[in-house]
Amino acid sequence: MRDVVAAATLLLATAVGAAEAGPDFGNWRVNGGSDGQVTASLYATNKLITGGGALGYSPVLTLACRHDGEPRWSEWLQLNDSVSASRKITMSVMVDRGGEFDESWSVGSRGKMLVRDGADGIKRLVSANRLLLSWRFGLLSGRGEADFELAGLSEAIGQMAASCNTDPP
């Protein structure tokens, strides 16, 4: 009898825990900032080797919405190595297994952040499973590539939009 009660208690605890669990964002980390910005970040599945060649790192893709102000939505790619461009860079983009296309991204802080403003970039990702970004570090320095598995993104964007009091892209 004690085993039956223990099993029933465990089953009830599991059911309650599942009911209390929040939405599944996959590997996305959603954060609400006190600065009026809500972000969702994801590490790339691949590693880039740093300039010295000794260490590797995964670039981080971050999507953001703002409670007020423009642009309402933006995305950025955080790198450990800087690109040599100063203002704009051409990013090659492939969503799922579709065709590759180019976009213009702004070069941010010390060349280690690539930024694209607007909801259209995020809108194309909502129903996607995979994103592949590719860019040149410089004329002679080769290309960088970041591969992202987007599981949980639509839930993360829904949470972000609710937190920002706006419609999802």
N, C-alpha and C. Protein backbone atom coordinates (compact mmCIF):
# COMPACT_ATOMS: atom_id res chain seq x y z
N MET A 1 0.82 -1.19 0.00
CA MET A 1 0.00 0.00 0.00
C MET A 1 0.87 1.26 0.00
N ARG A 2 1.95 1.20 0.77
CA ARG A 2 2.84 2.35 0.84
C ARG A 2 3.42 2.67 -0.54
N ASP A 3 3.73 1.62 -1.32
CA ASP A 3 4.27 1.81 -2.66
C ASP A 3 3.26 2.48 -3.58
N VAL A 4 1.98 2.13 -3.43
CA VAL A 4 0.94 2.73 -4.26
C VAL A 4 0.79 4.21 -3.92
N VAL A 5 0.82 4.54 -2.63
CA VAL A 5 0.72 5.94 -2.20
C VAL A 5 1.93 6.72 -2.70
N ALA A 6 3.12 6.13 -2.60
CA ALA A 6 4.34 6.81 -3.06
C ALA A 6 4.27 7.03 -4.57
N ALA A 7 3.82 6.03 -5.31
CA ALA A 7 3.71 6.18 -6.76
C ALA A 7 2.68 7.24 -7.13
N ALA A 8 1.56 7.27 -6.43
CA ALA A 8 0.52 8.28 -6.69
C ALA A 8 1.04 9.67 -6.37
N THR A 9 1.79 9.81 -5.29
CA THR A 9 2.36 11.09 -4.90
C THR A 9 3.36 11.57 -5.96
N LEU A 10 4.20 10.65 -6.44
CA LEU A 10 5.18 10.99 -7.46
C LEU A 10 4.48 11.40 -8.75
N LEU A 11 3.44 10.69 -9.14
CA LEU A 11 2.69 11.01 -10.34
C LEU A 11 2.04 12.39 -10.22
N LEU A 12 1.45 12.69 -9.06
CA LEU A 12 0.82 13.99 -8.83
C LEU A 12 1.87 15.10 -8.86
N ALA A 13 3.00 14.88 -8.23
CA ALA A 13 4.06 15.90 -8.22
C ALA A 13 4.56 16.16 -9.64
N THR A 14 4.70 15.11 -10.45
CA THR A 14 5.13 15.27 -11.83
C THR A 14 4.11 16.06 -12.63
N ALA A 15 2.83 15.75 -12.43
CA ALA A 15 1.77 16.45 -13.15
C ALA A 15 1.72 17.92 -12.76
N VAL A 16 1.86 18.22 -11.47
CA VAL A 16 1.86 19.61 -11.00
C VAL A 16 3.07 20.33 -11.55
N GLY A 17 4.24 19.69 -11.52
CA GLY A 17 5.46 20.32 -12.05
C GLY A 17 5.33 20.63 -13.52
N ALA A 18 4.72 19.73 -14.28
CA ALA A 18 4.53 19.96 -15.71
C ALA A 18 3.55 21.10 -15.94
N ALA A 19 2.52 21.20 -15.10
CA ALA A 19 1.54 22.28 -15.25
C ALA A 19 2.16 23.62 -14.92
N GLU A 20 3.13 23.65 -14.00
CA GLU A 20 3.76 24.91 -13.60
C GLU A 20 4.89 25.31 -14.53
N ALA A 21 5.38 24.39 -15.34
CA ALA A 21 6.50 24.70 -16.23
C ALA A 21 6.09 25.79 -17.22
N GLY A 22 7.01 26.68 -17.51
CA GLY A 22 6.75 27.76 -18.45
C GLY A 22 6.83 27.26 -19.87
N PRO A 23 6.70 28.17 -20.81
CA PRO A 23 6.79 27.78 -22.21
C PRO A 23 8.18 27.24 -22.53
N ASP A 24 8.24 26.36 -23.52
CA ASP A 24 9.51 25.77 -23.93
C ASP A 24 10.15 26.65 -25.01
N PHE A 25 11.23 27.30 -24.65
CA PHE A 25 11.95 28.16 -25.58
C PHE A 25 13.15 27.46 -26.19
N GLY A 26 13.24 26.13 -26.04
CA GLY A 26 14.41 25.41 -26.54
C GLY A 26 15.66 25.93 -25.86
N ASN A 27 16.68 26.27 -26.64
CA ASN A 27 17.93 26.81 -26.07
C ASN A 27 17.95 28.34 -26.01
N TRP A 28 16.84 28.96 -26.35
CA TRP A 28 16.75 30.43 -26.28
C TRP A 28 16.70 30.88 -24.83
N ARG A 29 17.37 31.98 -24.52
CA ARG A 29 17.33 32.59 -23.19
C ARG A 29 16.64 33.94 -23.33
N VAL A 30 15.44 34.06 -22.75
CA VAL A 30 14.66 35.29 -22.84
C VAL A 30 14.88 36.10 -21.58
N ASN A 31 15.21 37.38 -21.76
CA ASN A 31 15.47 38.28 -20.63
C ASN A 31 14.75 39.59 -20.84
N GLY A 32 14.13 40.09 -19.79
CA GLY A 32 13.51 41.41 -19.82
C GLY A 32 14.41 42.39 -19.10
N GLY A 33 14.87 43.37 -19.82
CA GLY A 33 15.78 44.34 -19.22
C GLY A 33 15.04 45.50 -18.60
N SER A 34 15.66 46.12 -17.64
CA SER A 34 15.07 47.29 -16.99
C SER A 34 15.13 48.51 -17.89
N ASP A 35 15.86 48.40 -19.00
CA ASP A 35 15.99 49.52 -19.93
C ASP A 35 14.88 49.56 -20.97
N GLY A 36 13.82 48.75 -20.78
CA GLY A 36 12.71 48.75 -21.71
C GLY A 36 12.93 47.86 -22.92
N GLN A 37 13.92 47.00 -22.85
CA GLN A 37 14.23 46.11 -23.96
C GLN A 37 14.13 44.66 -23.49
N VAL A 38 13.52 43.81 -24.30
CA VAL A 38 13.41 42.38 -24.01
C VAL A 38 14.22 41.65 -25.07
N THR A 39 15.05 40.69 -24.66
CA THR A 39 15.92 39.99 -25.60
C THR A 39 15.72 38.48 -25.51
N ALA A 40 16.04 37.82 -26.60
CA ALA A 40 16.13 36.36 -26.66
C ALA A 40 17.45 36.04 -27.35
N SER A 41 18.29 35.25 -26.69
CA SER A 41 19.63 34.96 -27.21
C SER A 41 19.84 33.46 -27.39
N LEU A 42 20.67 33.13 -28.37
CA LEU A 42 20.94 31.73 -28.72
C LEU A 42 22.38 31.60 -29.19
N TYR A 43 23.10 30.60 -28.67
CA TYR A 43 24.45 30.31 -29.13
C TYR A 43 24.41 29.51 -30.42
N ALA A 44 25.35 29.77 -31.31
CA ALA A 44 25.48 29.00 -32.54
C ALA A 44 25.87 27.56 -32.20
N THR A 45 25.51 26.63 -33.06
CA THR A 45 25.86 25.23 -32.84
C THR A 45 27.31 24.94 -33.23
N ASN A 46 27.93 25.85 -33.98
CA ASN A 46 29.31 25.66 -34.39
C ASN A 46 30.23 26.61 -33.62
N LYS A 47 31.51 26.38 -33.73
CA LYS A 47 32.52 27.22 -33.07
C LYS A 47 33.37 27.92 -34.13
N LEU A 48 33.77 29.14 -33.82
CA LEU A 48 34.75 29.87 -34.62
C LEU A 48 36.06 29.88 -33.86
N ILE A 49 37.15 29.78 -34.56
CA ILE A 49 38.46 29.83 -33.92
C ILE A 49 38.88 31.29 -33.82
N THR A 50 39.36 31.71 -32.65
CA THR A 50 39.78 33.10 -32.46
C THR A 50 41.00 33.40 -33.31
N GLY A 51 41.31 34.69 -33.46
CA GLY A 51 42.42 35.14 -34.28
C GLY A 51 43.72 34.43 -33.99
N GLY A 52 44.01 34.14 -32.73
CA GLY A 52 45.24 33.45 -32.37
C GLY A 52 45.20 31.97 -32.66
N GLY A 53 44.01 31.41 -32.88
CA GLY A 53 43.87 30.00 -33.22
C GLY A 53 43.84 29.06 -32.04
N ALA A 54 44.02 29.56 -30.83
CA ALA A 54 44.09 28.67 -29.67
C ALA A 54 42.72 28.32 -29.10
N LEU A 55 41.79 29.22 -29.19
CA LEU A 55 40.48 29.01 -28.57
C LEU A 55 39.37 29.13 -29.59
N GLY A 56 38.26 28.46 -29.31
CA GLY A 56 37.08 28.58 -30.13
C GLY A 56 35.94 29.17 -29.33
N TYR A 57 34.98 29.74 -30.01
CA TYR A 57 33.80 30.30 -29.35
C TYR A 57 32.61 30.17 -30.27
N SER A 58 31.43 30.21 -29.70
CA SER A 58 30.19 30.19 -30.48
C SER A 58 29.62 31.60 -30.54
N PRO A 59 29.39 32.13 -31.74
CA PRO A 59 28.74 33.44 -31.85
C PRO A 59 27.34 33.37 -31.21
N VAL A 60 26.84 34.52 -30.80
CA VAL A 60 25.53 34.58 -30.15
C VAL A 60 24.60 35.46 -30.99
N LEU A 61 23.45 34.90 -31.34
CA LEU A 61 22.40 35.65 -32.03
C LEU A 61 21.43 36.15 -30.98
N THR A 62 21.13 37.45 -31.00
CA THR A 62 20.18 38.04 -30.06
C THR A 62 19.11 38.77 -30.84
N LEU A 63 17.86 38.51 -30.49
CA LEU A 63 16.71 39.23 -31.03
C LEU A 63 16.21 40.13 -29.91
N ALA A 64 15.75 41.33 -30.26
CA ALA A 64 15.33 42.27 -29.23
C ALA A 64 14.08 43.03 -29.66
N CYS A 65 13.25 43.35 -28.69
CA CYS A 65 12.14 44.27 -28.92
C CYS A 65 12.19 45.34 -27.83
N ARG A 66 11.68 46.51 -28.16
CA ARG A 66 11.67 47.64 -27.22
C ARG A 66 10.23 48.00 -26.90
N HIS A 67 10.01 48.34 -25.63
CA HIS A 67 8.66 48.74 -25.20
C HIS A 67 8.18 49.96 -25.98
N ASP A 68 9.09 50.90 -26.19
CA ASP A 68 8.76 52.10 -26.95
C ASP A 68 10.01 52.54 -27.69
N GLY A 69 9.82 53.38 -28.66
CA GLY A 69 10.96 53.84 -29.44
C GLY A 69 11.15 53.03 -30.69
N GLU A 70 12.03 53.50 -31.53
CA GLU A 70 12.32 52.84 -32.80
C GLU A 70 13.80 52.54 -32.87
N PRO A 71 14.21 51.48 -33.50
CA PRO A 71 13.34 50.47 -34.08
C PRO A 71 12.72 49.60 -32.99
N ARG A 72 11.54 49.13 -33.22
CA ARG A 72 10.84 48.29 -32.25
C ARG A 72 11.53 46.93 -32.12
N TRP A 73 11.93 46.35 -33.26
CA TRP A 73 12.58 45.03 -33.29
C TRP A 73 13.97 45.15 -33.91
N SER A 74 14.91 44.35 -33.42
CA SER A 74 16.24 44.29 -34.02
C SER A 74 16.88 42.94 -33.72
N GLU A 75 17.94 42.65 -34.45
CA GLU A 75 18.70 41.42 -34.22
C GLU A 75 20.18 41.77 -34.30
N TRP A 76 20.99 41.04 -33.55
CA TRP A 76 22.42 41.27 -33.65
C TRP A 76 23.18 39.98 -33.41
N LEU A 77 24.40 39.95 -33.96
CA LEU A 77 25.29 38.81 -33.84
C LEU A 77 26.52 39.27 -33.07
N GLN A 78 26.78 38.63 -31.93
CA GLN A 78 27.92 38.99 -31.08
C GLN A 78 29.09 38.06 -31.40
N LEU A 79 30.26 38.67 -31.68
CA LEU A 79 31.48 37.93 -32.03
C LEU A 79 32.57 38.23 -31.01
N ASN A 80 33.56 37.36 -30.94
CA ASN A 80 34.74 37.63 -30.12
C ASN A 80 35.85 38.29 -30.93
N ASP A 81 35.89 38.02 -32.23
CA ASP A 81 36.86 38.64 -33.14
C ASP A 81 36.17 39.75 -33.91
N SER A 82 36.87 40.82 -34.16
CA SER A 82 36.24 41.94 -34.87
C SER A 82 36.36 41.79 -36.38
N VAL A 83 35.40 42.37 -37.07
CA VAL A 83 35.45 42.45 -38.53
C VAL A 83 36.17 43.75 -38.89
N SER A 84 36.74 43.80 -40.09
CA SER A 84 37.52 44.99 -40.46
C SER A 84 36.65 46.11 -41.02
N ALA A 85 35.40 45.84 -41.35
CA ALA A 85 34.51 46.89 -41.88
C ALA A 85 34.19 47.88 -40.76
N SER A 86 33.89 49.12 -41.16
CA SER A 86 33.63 50.13 -40.13
C SER A 86 32.15 50.49 -39.99
N ARG A 87 31.36 50.44 -41.05
CA ARG A 87 29.96 50.87 -40.94
C ARG A 87 28.97 49.79 -41.33
N LYS A 88 29.16 49.19 -42.49
CA LYS A 88 28.23 48.18 -43.01
C LYS A 88 29.01 46.94 -43.44
N ILE A 89 28.33 45.81 -43.39
CA ILE A 89 28.92 44.56 -43.83
C ILE A 89 27.83 43.76 -44.55
N THR A 90 28.22 43.02 -45.55
CA THR A 90 27.27 42.16 -46.25
C THR A 90 27.23 40.81 -45.57
N MET A 91 26.05 40.42 -45.14
CA MET A 91 25.83 39.15 -44.47
C MET A 91 25.09 38.23 -45.44
N SER A 92 25.61 37.02 -45.66
CA SER A 92 24.91 36.01 -46.44
C SER A 92 24.01 35.24 -45.49
N VAL A 93 22.76 35.10 -45.87
CA VAL A 93 21.74 34.50 -44.99
C VAL A 93 21.09 33.32 -45.70
N MET A 94 20.93 32.21 -44.96
CA MET A 94 20.17 31.07 -45.47
C MET A 94 19.23 30.62 -44.35
N VAL A 95 17.93 30.63 -44.64
CA VAL A 95 16.92 30.20 -43.68
C VAL A 95 16.44 28.83 -44.12
N ASP A 96 16.49 27.85 -43.20
CA ASP A 96 16.19 26.45 -43.50
C ASP A 96 17.05 26.02 -44.68
N ARG A 97 16.49 25.35 -45.63
CA ARG A 97 17.27 24.90 -46.79
C ARG A 97 16.95 25.75 -48.02
N GLY A 98 16.38 26.93 -47.78
CA GLY A 98 16.04 27.82 -48.88
C GLY A 98 17.29 28.41 -49.51
N GLY A 99 17.08 29.26 -50.49
CA GLY A 99 18.20 29.89 -51.17
C GLY A 99 18.93 30.89 -50.29
N GLU A 100 20.16 31.14 -50.63
CA GLU A 100 20.98 32.10 -49.90
C GLU A 100 20.75 33.49 -50.48
N PHE A 101 20.69 34.50 -49.61
CA PHE A 101 20.55 35.88 -50.06
C PHE A 101 21.42 36.76 -49.18
N ASP A 102 21.71 37.97 -49.67
CA ASP A 102 22.58 38.90 -48.95
C ASP A 102 21.76 40.01 -48.31
N GLU A 103 22.23 40.46 -47.15
CA GLU A 103 21.63 41.60 -46.44
C GLU A 103 22.76 42.51 -45.97
N SER A 104 22.42 43.76 -45.76
CA SER A 104 23.36 44.71 -45.22
C SER A 104 23.13 44.82 -43.71
N TRP A 105 24.16 44.58 -42.93
CA TRP A 105 24.11 44.70 -41.47
C TRP A 105 25.07 45.81 -41.06
N SER A 106 24.77 46.50 -39.98
CA SER A 106 25.65 47.53 -39.44
C SER A 106 26.70 46.89 -38.55
N VAL A 107 27.88 47.50 -38.54
CA VAL A 107 28.96 47.04 -37.67
C VAL A 107 28.89 47.86 -36.40
N GLY A 108 28.78 47.17 -35.27
CA GLY A 108 28.64 47.84 -33.98
C GLY A 108 29.94 47.90 -33.20
N SER A 109 29.80 47.97 -31.93
CA SER A 109 30.84 48.13 -30.94
C SER A 109 32.15 47.39 -31.27
N ARG A 110 33.21 48.16 -31.54
CA ARG A 110 34.56 47.65 -31.79
C ARG A 110 34.60 46.56 -32.86
N GLY A 111 33.60 46.55 -33.75
CA GLY A 111 33.58 45.58 -34.84
C GLY A 111 33.21 44.18 -34.41
N LYS A 112 32.79 44.02 -33.15
CA LYS A 112 32.47 42.69 -32.63
C LYS A 112 30.98 42.42 -32.54
N MET A 113 30.18 43.35 -33.06
CA MET A 113 28.74 43.16 -33.08
C MET A 113 28.22 43.57 -34.44
N LEU A 114 27.41 42.70 -35.06
CA LEU A 114 26.78 43.00 -36.34
C LEU A 114 25.29 43.14 -36.06
N VAL A 115 24.68 44.25 -36.54
CA VAL A 115 23.32 44.62 -36.14
C VAL A 115 22.45 44.82 -37.36
N ARG A 116 21.18 44.38 -37.24
CA ARG A 116 20.18 44.63 -38.28
C ARG A 116 18.88 45.01 -37.59
N ASP A 117 18.37 46.19 -37.91
CA ASP A 117 17.12 46.68 -37.31
C ASP A 117 15.94 46.35 -38.19
N GLY A 118 14.78 46.17 -37.56
CA GLY A 118 13.53 45.95 -38.28
C GLY A 118 12.92 44.60 -38.01
N ALA A 119 11.60 44.54 -38.10
CA ALA A 119 10.85 43.32 -37.82
C ALA A 119 10.93 42.31 -38.95
N ASP A 120 11.25 42.74 -40.17
CA ASP A 120 11.24 41.82 -41.31
C ASP A 120 12.25 40.68 -41.16
N GLY A 121 13.42 40.97 -40.62
CA GLY A 121 14.42 39.93 -40.41
C GLY A 121 13.96 38.89 -39.39
N ILE A 122 13.30 39.33 -38.37
CA ILE A 122 12.81 38.42 -37.34
C ILE A 122 11.59 37.65 -37.86
N LYS A 123 10.76 38.30 -38.64
CA LYS A 123 9.55 37.66 -39.17
C LYS A 123 9.89 36.42 -40.00
N ARG A 124 10.97 36.50 -40.78
CA ARG A 124 11.34 35.36 -41.62
C ARG A 124 11.81 34.16 -40.79
N LEU A 125 12.17 34.39 -39.51
CA LEU A 125 12.68 33.31 -38.67
C LEU A 125 11.60 32.61 -37.86
N VAL A 126 10.43 33.24 -37.69
CA VAL A 126 9.40 32.72 -36.78
C VAL A 126 9.06 31.27 -37.06
N SER A 127 8.88 30.88 -38.30
CA SER A 127 8.51 29.50 -38.61
C SER A 127 9.70 28.67 -39.09
N ALA A 128 10.90 29.21 -39.02
CA ALA A 128 12.09 28.51 -39.51
C ALA A 128 12.65 27.55 -38.45
N ASN A 129 13.41 26.58 -38.92
CA ASN A 129 14.08 25.63 -38.04
C ASN A 129 15.57 25.89 -37.91
N ARG A 130 16.14 26.54 -38.94
CA ARG A 130 17.59 26.73 -38.96
C ARG A 130 17.94 28.04 -39.64
N LEU A 131 18.99 28.67 -39.16
CA LEU A 131 19.51 29.91 -39.74
C LEU A 131 21.02 29.76 -39.88
N LEU A 132 21.52 30.08 -41.06
CA LEU A 132 22.96 30.06 -41.32
C LEU A 132 23.37 31.46 -41.76
N LEU A 133 24.28 32.08 -41.02
CA LEU A 133 24.81 33.41 -41.34
C LEU A 133 26.28 33.27 -41.72
N SER A 134 26.70 34.01 -42.73
CA SER A 134 28.08 33.96 -43.18
C SER A 134 28.52 35.38 -43.54
N TRP A 135 29.76 35.75 -43.21
CA TRP A 135 30.28 37.09 -43.44
C TRP A 135 31.79 37.03 -43.60
N ARG A 136 32.36 38.10 -44.13
CA ARG A 136 33.82 38.22 -44.25
C ARG A 136 34.35 39.03 -43.07
N PHE A 137 35.41 38.51 -42.45
CA PHE A 137 36.06 39.26 -41.37
C PHE A 137 36.86 40.42 -41.95
N GLY A 138 37.38 40.26 -43.13
CA GLY A 138 38.16 41.30 -43.79
C GLY A 138 38.61 40.80 -45.14
N LEU A 139 39.33 41.63 -45.86
CA LEU A 139 39.77 41.26 -47.21
C LEU A 139 40.62 39.99 -47.22
N LEU A 140 41.54 39.88 -46.30
CA LEU A 140 42.46 38.75 -46.28
C LEU A 140 42.21 37.79 -45.12
N SER A 141 41.23 38.08 -44.29
CA SER A 141 41.06 37.28 -43.07
C SER A 141 40.06 36.14 -43.16
N GLY A 142 39.45 35.93 -44.30
CA GLY A 142 38.54 34.80 -44.42
C GLY A 142 37.12 35.10 -44.00
N ARG A 143 36.31 34.03 -43.95
CA ARG A 143 34.89 34.15 -43.65
C ARG A 143 34.57 33.57 -42.29
N GLY A 144 33.52 34.10 -41.71
CA GLY A 144 32.95 33.53 -40.50
C GLY A 144 31.61 32.94 -40.84
N GLU A 145 31.20 31.95 -40.09
CA GLU A 145 29.91 31.32 -40.31
C GLU A 145 29.31 30.93 -38.98
N ALA A 146 28.02 31.19 -38.82
CA ALA A 146 27.31 30.83 -37.58
C ALA A 146 26.05 30.08 -37.96
N ASP A 147 25.87 28.91 -37.37
CA ASP A 147 24.76 28.02 -37.66
C ASP A 147 23.88 27.94 -36.41
N PHE A 148 22.59 28.24 -36.55
CA PHE A 148 21.68 28.27 -35.41
C PHE A 148 20.51 27.32 -35.60
N GLU A 149 20.23 26.49 -34.60
CA GLU A 149 19.03 25.66 -34.55
C GLU A 149 17.98 26.48 -33.82
N LEU A 150 16.88 26.80 -34.47
CA LEU A 150 15.91 27.79 -33.97
C LEU A 150 14.74 27.20 -33.17
N ALA A 151 14.83 25.97 -32.71
CA ALA A 151 13.73 25.36 -31.95
C ALA A 151 13.31 26.26 -30.79
N GLY A 152 12.02 26.48 -30.65
CA GLY A 152 11.49 27.29 -29.56
C GLY A 152 11.39 28.77 -29.86
N LEU A 153 11.81 29.19 -31.06
CA LEU A 153 11.85 30.61 -31.38
C LEU A 153 10.46 31.25 -31.41
N SER A 154 9.48 30.58 -32.01
CA SER A 154 8.15 31.21 -32.10
C SER A 154 7.58 31.47 -30.71
N GLU A 155 7.81 30.56 -29.76
CA GLU A 155 7.36 30.77 -28.39
C GLU A 155 8.12 31.94 -27.74
N ALA A 156 9.43 32.01 -27.99
CA ALA A 156 10.24 33.10 -27.42
C ALA A 156 9.78 34.45 -27.97
N ILE A 157 9.51 34.51 -29.28
CA ILE A 157 9.06 35.77 -29.87
C ILE A 157 7.68 36.15 -29.34
N GLY A 158 6.81 35.17 -29.15
CA GLY A 158 5.51 35.45 -28.55
C GLY A 158 5.65 36.04 -27.15
N GLN A 159 6.55 35.49 -26.35
CA GLN A 159 6.80 36.01 -25.00
C GLN A 159 7.38 37.42 -25.06
N MET A 160 8.32 37.63 -25.98
CA MET A 160 8.93 38.96 -26.13
C MET A 160 7.88 39.99 -26.52
N ALA A 161 7.05 39.66 -27.51
CA ALA A 161 6.02 40.60 -27.97
C ALA A 161 5.05 40.94 -26.84
N ALA A 162 4.65 39.93 -26.07
CA ALA A 162 3.75 40.19 -24.93
C ALA A 162 4.42 41.11 -23.92
N SER A 163 5.70 40.89 -23.64
CA SER A 163 6.42 41.73 -22.69
C SER A 163 6.61 43.15 -23.20
N CYS A 164 6.69 43.31 -24.52
CA CYS A 164 6.87 44.63 -25.12
C CYS A 164 5.53 45.29 -25.48
N ASN A 165 4.43 44.63 -25.17
CA ASN A 165 3.09 45.16 -25.51
C ASN A 165 2.98 45.50 -26.99
N THR A 166 3.40 44.56 -27.84
CA THR A 166 3.32 44.75 -29.28
C THR A 166 2.95 43.44 -29.96
N ASP A 167 2.63 43.50 -31.21
CA ASP A 167 2.33 42.29 -31.98
C ASP A 167 3.65 41.63 -32.40
N PRO A 168 3.67 40.29 -32.48
CA PRO A 168 4.86 39.64 -33.02
C PRO A 168 5.04 40.02 -34.49
N PRO A 169 6.27 40.02 -34.95
CA PRO A 169 6.50 40.33 -36.37
C PRO A 169 5.87 39.28 -37.26
